[in-house]
């Protein structure tokens, strides 16, 4: 898959963040997030692949078709698209010479669904998963779950904010450690505070300082500050 990449600010890459775009967008839609995080993550490489198929009748790409936001259809979609992203992750890690535990995923909307699906099922789990304005498509599998941050706007009319809480609940019941941030007055997008929280979350994840699965006390974090 093609898509923009960004080399580390200094030295060879020690870690990789893969940014997974939403429906009807492309990698250019998310690669700009890297500029907000490079001060915290100077030796991290970024990649934002384009999804494999064009969106019918519109610019941009899709990981899988969406006709309506239906959990059953979303699960079918991520199961179909998952192997494509998984193969890309392996290839990009190999190209950069980065071990699989030094990977993190950050997705938006449809990209969040896919990042959660793939990240939870990789043999070597990512250091962290960040999901902006998305949902969990299907129940998480048994086994270890990496640290997860979910953000959402409380005025989102594309994917309702309740999807974030349902995802956090399902992941927490599976033993995951989930942190969340609800942005007041924001629609289907990424707010500056959520962007800053995500950068710190990735930084802590790569340093091994985030709580991991099995510590359900952190399923819900009442404030947006990360300790």
Protein backbone atom coordinates (compact mmCIF):
# COMPACT_ATOMS: atom_id res chain seq x y z
CA UNK A 1 0.00 0.00 0.00
CA UNK A 2 1.17 3.49 -0.82
CA UNK A 3 0.96 6.42 1.56
CA UNK A 4 3.11 9.10 3.16
CA UNK A 5 5.83 8.34 5.68
CA UNK A 6 7.89 10.54 7.96
CA UNK A 7 11.41 9.75 9.15
CA UNK A 8 12.44 10.34 12.77
CA UNK A 9 13.49 13.82 13.74
CA UNK A 10 16.88 12.44 14.75
CA UNK A 11 18.85 9.25 14.31
CA UNK A 12 17.63 5.87 13.09
CA UNK A 13 14.06 4.89 13.89
CA UNK A 14 13.61 3.09 17.20
CA UNK A 15 9.81 2.91 17.11
CA UNK A 16 6.98 3.17 14.58
CA UNK A 17 3.54 4.78 14.76
CA UNK A 18 1.16 3.76 11.99
CA UNK A 19 -1.70 6.20 11.41
CA UNK A 20 -4.82 4.53 10.01
CA UNK A 21 -7.17 6.93 8.23
CA UNK A 22 -10.94 6.96 8.11
CA UNK A 23 -13.47 6.23 5.39
CA UNK A 24 -13.09 8.38 2.28
CA UNK A 25 -9.74 9.85 3.32
CA UNK A 26 -6.12 8.87 2.70
CA UNK A 27 -2.79 8.81 4.49
CA UNK A 28 -2.26 12.53 3.92
CA UNK A 29 -5.28 13.16 6.13
CA UNK A 30 -3.41 11.86 9.21
CA UNK A 31 0.33 12.16 8.58
CA UNK A 32 0.16 15.76 9.82
CA UNK A 33 -0.54 14.47 13.34
CA UNK A 34 3.09 13.40 13.54
CA UNK A 35 4.27 17.01 13.68
CA UNK A 36 2.38 17.46 16.96
CA UNK A 37 4.14 14.48 18.52
CA UNK A 38 7.71 14.64 17.24
CA UNK A 39 9.02 16.70 20.15
CA UNK A 40 7.98 13.87 22.49
CA UNK A 41 8.90 11.14 20.02
CA UNK A 42 12.05 12.31 18.20
CA UNK A 43 13.30 8.82 17.25
CA UNK A 44 9.91 7.54 16.10
CA UNK A 45 9.05 6.95 12.44
CA UNK A 46 5.50 7.55 11.19
CA UNK A 47 3.61 5.91 8.35
CA UNK A 48 0.10 6.61 7.08
CA UNK A 49 -0.89 4.03 4.46
CA UNK A 50 -3.70 4.55 2.01
CA UNK A 51 -6.46 1.96 2.29
CA UNK A 52 -6.45 -0.58 -0.56
CA UNK A 53 -9.59 0.48 -2.46
CA UNK A 54 -10.99 3.79 -3.67
CA UNK A 55 -14.20 5.11 -2.16
CA UNK A 56 -16.98 4.62 -4.75
CA UNK A 57 -18.02 7.87 -6.37
CA UNK A 58 -15.83 10.03 -4.15
CA UNK A 59 -12.16 10.92 -3.59
CA UNK A 60 -10.20 9.02 -1.01
CA UNK A 61 -9.97 5.41 0.04
CA UNK A 62 -11.81 2.87 2.17
CA UNK A 63 -10.61 -0.06 4.25
CA UNK A 64 -14.01 -1.67 3.72
CA UNK A 65 -17.39 -0.46 2.41
CA UNK A 66 -19.73 1.35 4.80
CA UNK A 67 -23.41 1.78 4.03
CA UNK A 68 -24.52 2.38 7.61
CA UNK A 69 -22.98 2.26 11.09
CA UNK A 70 -24.06 -1.23 12.06
CA UNK A 71 -21.89 -3.20 14.53
CA UNK A 72 -22.39 -6.49 12.69
CA UNK A 73 -21.39 -4.96 9.35
CA UNK A 74 -18.42 -3.22 10.95
CA UNK A 75 -17.22 -6.53 12.35
CA UNK A 76 -17.45 -8.13 8.92
CA UNK A 77 -15.53 -5.19 7.49
CA UNK A 78 -12.60 -5.30 9.90
CA UNK A 79 -12.34 -9.06 9.51
CA UNK A 80 -12.08 -8.56 5.76
CA UNK A 81 -9.59 -5.67 5.89
CA UNK A 82 -7.53 -6.78 8.88
CA UNK A 83 -5.06 -9.03 7.05
CA UNK A 84 -4.22 -6.22 4.61
CA UNK A 85 -3.20 -3.83 7.38
CA UNK A 86 -1.46 -6.60 9.32
CA UNK A 87 0.70 -7.43 6.32
CA UNK A 88 1.56 -3.75 5.87
CA UNK A 89 2.63 -3.45 9.52
CA UNK A 90 4.97 -6.42 9.20
CA UNK A 91 6.48 -5.06 6.00
CA UNK A 92 7.02 -1.56 7.43
CA UNK A 93 8.60 -2.91 10.63
CA UNK A 94 10.92 -5.10 8.56
CA UNK A 95 11.83 -2.20 6.26
CA UNK A 96 12.84 -0.05 9.23
CA UNK A 97 14.40 -2.86 11.25
CA UNK A 98 12.10 -2.21 14.21
CA UNK A 99 10.96 -5.02 16.57
CA UNK A 100 7.18 -5.60 16.64
CA UNK A 101 6.83 -4.59 20.29
CA UNK A 102 7.99 -1.07 19.32
CA UNK A 103 4.89 -0.48 17.20
CA UNK A 104 1.88 1.70 18.04
CA UNK A 105 -1.34 2.22 16.09
CA UNK A 106 -3.40 5.41 15.93
CA UNK A 107 -6.63 5.35 13.96
CA UNK A 108 -9.46 7.72 13.14
CA UNK A 109 -13.09 6.58 12.71
CA UNK A 110 -12.96 3.54 10.40
CA UNK A 111 -9.23 3.48 11.09
CA UNK A 112 -9.95 3.16 14.81
CA UNK A 113 -12.12 0.11 14.19
CA UNK A 114 -9.35 -1.48 12.15
CA UNK A 115 -6.55 -0.49 14.54
CA UNK A 116 -8.36 -2.08 17.47
CA UNK A 117 -9.19 -5.22 15.51
CA UNK A 118 -5.68 -5.76 14.20
CA UNK A 119 -3.77 -4.52 17.25
CA UNK A 120 -5.65 -6.80 19.61
CA UNK A 121 -4.91 -9.83 17.45
CA UNK A 122 -1.24 -9.45 16.60
CA UNK A 123 1.02 -12.14 18.01
CA UNK A 124 3.28 -9.46 19.49
CA UNK A 125 0.99 -6.76 20.79
CA UNK A 126 1.65 -3.07 20.02
CA UNK A 127 3.01 -0.83 22.75
CA UNK A 128 -0.20 1.24 22.57
CA UNK A 129 -3.34 1.78 20.51
CA UNK A 130 -5.01 5.18 20.11
CA UNK A 131 -8.52 5.43 18.69
CA UNK A 132 -10.04 8.77 17.66
CA UNK A 133 -13.81 8.97 17.04
CA UNK A 134 -14.31 5.29 16.38
CA UNK A 135 -15.86 2.15 17.79
CA UNK A 136 -15.01 -1.42 18.70
CA UNK A 137 -16.21 -3.80 15.99
CA UNK A 138 -16.80 -7.14 17.70
CA UNK A 139 -15.70 -8.47 21.05
CA UNK A 140 -11.99 -8.41 21.92
CA UNK A 141 -10.22 -11.76 21.71
CA UNK A 142 -8.90 -13.53 24.80
CA UNK A 143 -5.31 -12.91 25.85
CA UNK A 144 -3.11 -9.94 26.61
CA UNK A 145 -4.41 -6.54 25.51
CA UNK A 146 -2.16 -3.51 24.99
CA UNK A 147 -2.88 -0.14 26.63
CA UNK A 148 -5.64 1.71 24.78
CA UNK A 149 -6.64 5.38 24.61
CA UNK A 150 -10.03 6.33 23.15
CA UNK A 151 -11.13 9.89 22.37
CA UNK A 152 -14.46 11.14 21.05
CA UNK A 153 -16.47 14.31 20.60
CA UNK A 154 -19.67 14.56 22.57
CA UNK A 155 -21.39 16.15 19.55
CA UNK A 156 -20.32 13.46 17.06
CA UNK A 157 -23.22 12.74 14.68
CA UNK A 158 -21.35 10.18 12.56
CA UNK A 159 -20.38 7.71 15.29
CA UNK A 160 -22.18 8.58 18.53
CA UNK A 161 -20.04 9.17 21.63
CA UNK A 162 -21.74 6.24 23.33
CA UNK A 163 -19.61 4.04 21.07
CA UNK A 164 -16.51 5.09 23.03
CA UNK A 165 -18.04 4.08 26.36
CA UNK A 166 -19.33 0.78 24.97
CA UNK A 167 -15.85 0.05 23.63
CA UNK A 168 -14.21 0.96 26.94
CA UNK A 169 -16.66 -1.28 28.81
CA UNK A 170 -16.15 -4.27 26.52
CA UNK A 171 -12.37 -3.87 26.56
CA UNK A 172 -12.35 -3.41 30.34
CA UNK A 173 -14.42 -6.54 30.84
CA UNK A 174 -11.81 -8.38 28.79
CA UNK A 175 -9.11 -7.15 31.18
CA UNK A 176 -7.82 -4.21 29.17
CA UNK A 177 -6.50 -0.97 30.57
CA UNK A 178 -8.42 1.80 28.80
CA UNK A 179 -8.12 5.55 29.17
CA UNK A 180 -10.56 7.93 27.51
CA UNK A 181 -11.13 11.56 26.71
CA UNK A 182 -14.51 13.09 25.81
CA UNK A 183 -14.24 16.43 23.98
CA UNK A 184 -17.05 18.86 24.77
CA UNK A 185 -18.79 20.43 21.79
CA UNK A 186 -16.74 18.54 19.20
CA UNK A 187 -18.17 16.59 16.29
CA UNK A 188 -16.49 13.86 14.26
CA UNK A 189 -12.88 14.90 14.56
CA UNK A 190 -9.80 15.28 16.75
CA UNK A 191 -9.58 18.10 19.28
CA UNK A 192 -6.29 19.73 20.36
CA UNK A 193 -6.50 18.34 23.90
CA UNK A 194 -7.11 14.82 22.64
CA UNK A 195 -4.18 15.20 20.27
CA UNK A 196 -1.89 16.25 23.13
CA UNK A 197 -3.11 13.43 25.37
CA UNK A 198 -2.48 10.94 22.57
CA UNK A 199 1.10 12.13 22.12
CA UNK A 200 1.83 11.67 25.82
CA UNK A 201 0.08 8.29 25.78
CA UNK A 202 2.29 7.10 22.92
CA UNK A 203 5.37 8.42 24.70
CA UNK A 204 4.50 6.57 27.90
CA UNK A 205 3.58 3.43 25.97
CA UNK A 206 6.91 3.30 24.17
CA UNK A 207 8.69 3.81 27.50
CA UNK A 208 6.76 0.93 29.06
CA UNK A 209 5.13 3.24 31.63
CA UNK A 210 1.47 2.52 30.91
CA UNK A 211 -0.57 0.02 32.86
CA UNK A 212 -1.37 -3.07 30.86
CA UNK A 213 -4.12 -5.67 30.78
CA UNK A 214 -5.42 -7.16 33.97
CA UNK A 215 -5.45 -3.87 35.90
CA UNK A 216 -9.12 -3.00 35.51
CA UNK A 217 -8.91 -0.06 37.94
CA UNK A 218 -7.87 2.07 34.97
CA UNK A 219 -10.75 1.14 32.67
CA UNK A 220 -12.29 4.57 33.19
CA UNK A 221 -10.13 7.61 33.78
CA UNK A 222 -12.28 10.48 35.08
CA UNK A 223 -9.97 13.25 33.90
CA UNK A 224 -8.10 13.66 30.65
CA UNK A 225 -4.73 14.00 32.35
CA UNK A 226 -2.46 11.00 32.14
CA UNK A 227 -0.47 10.22 35.24
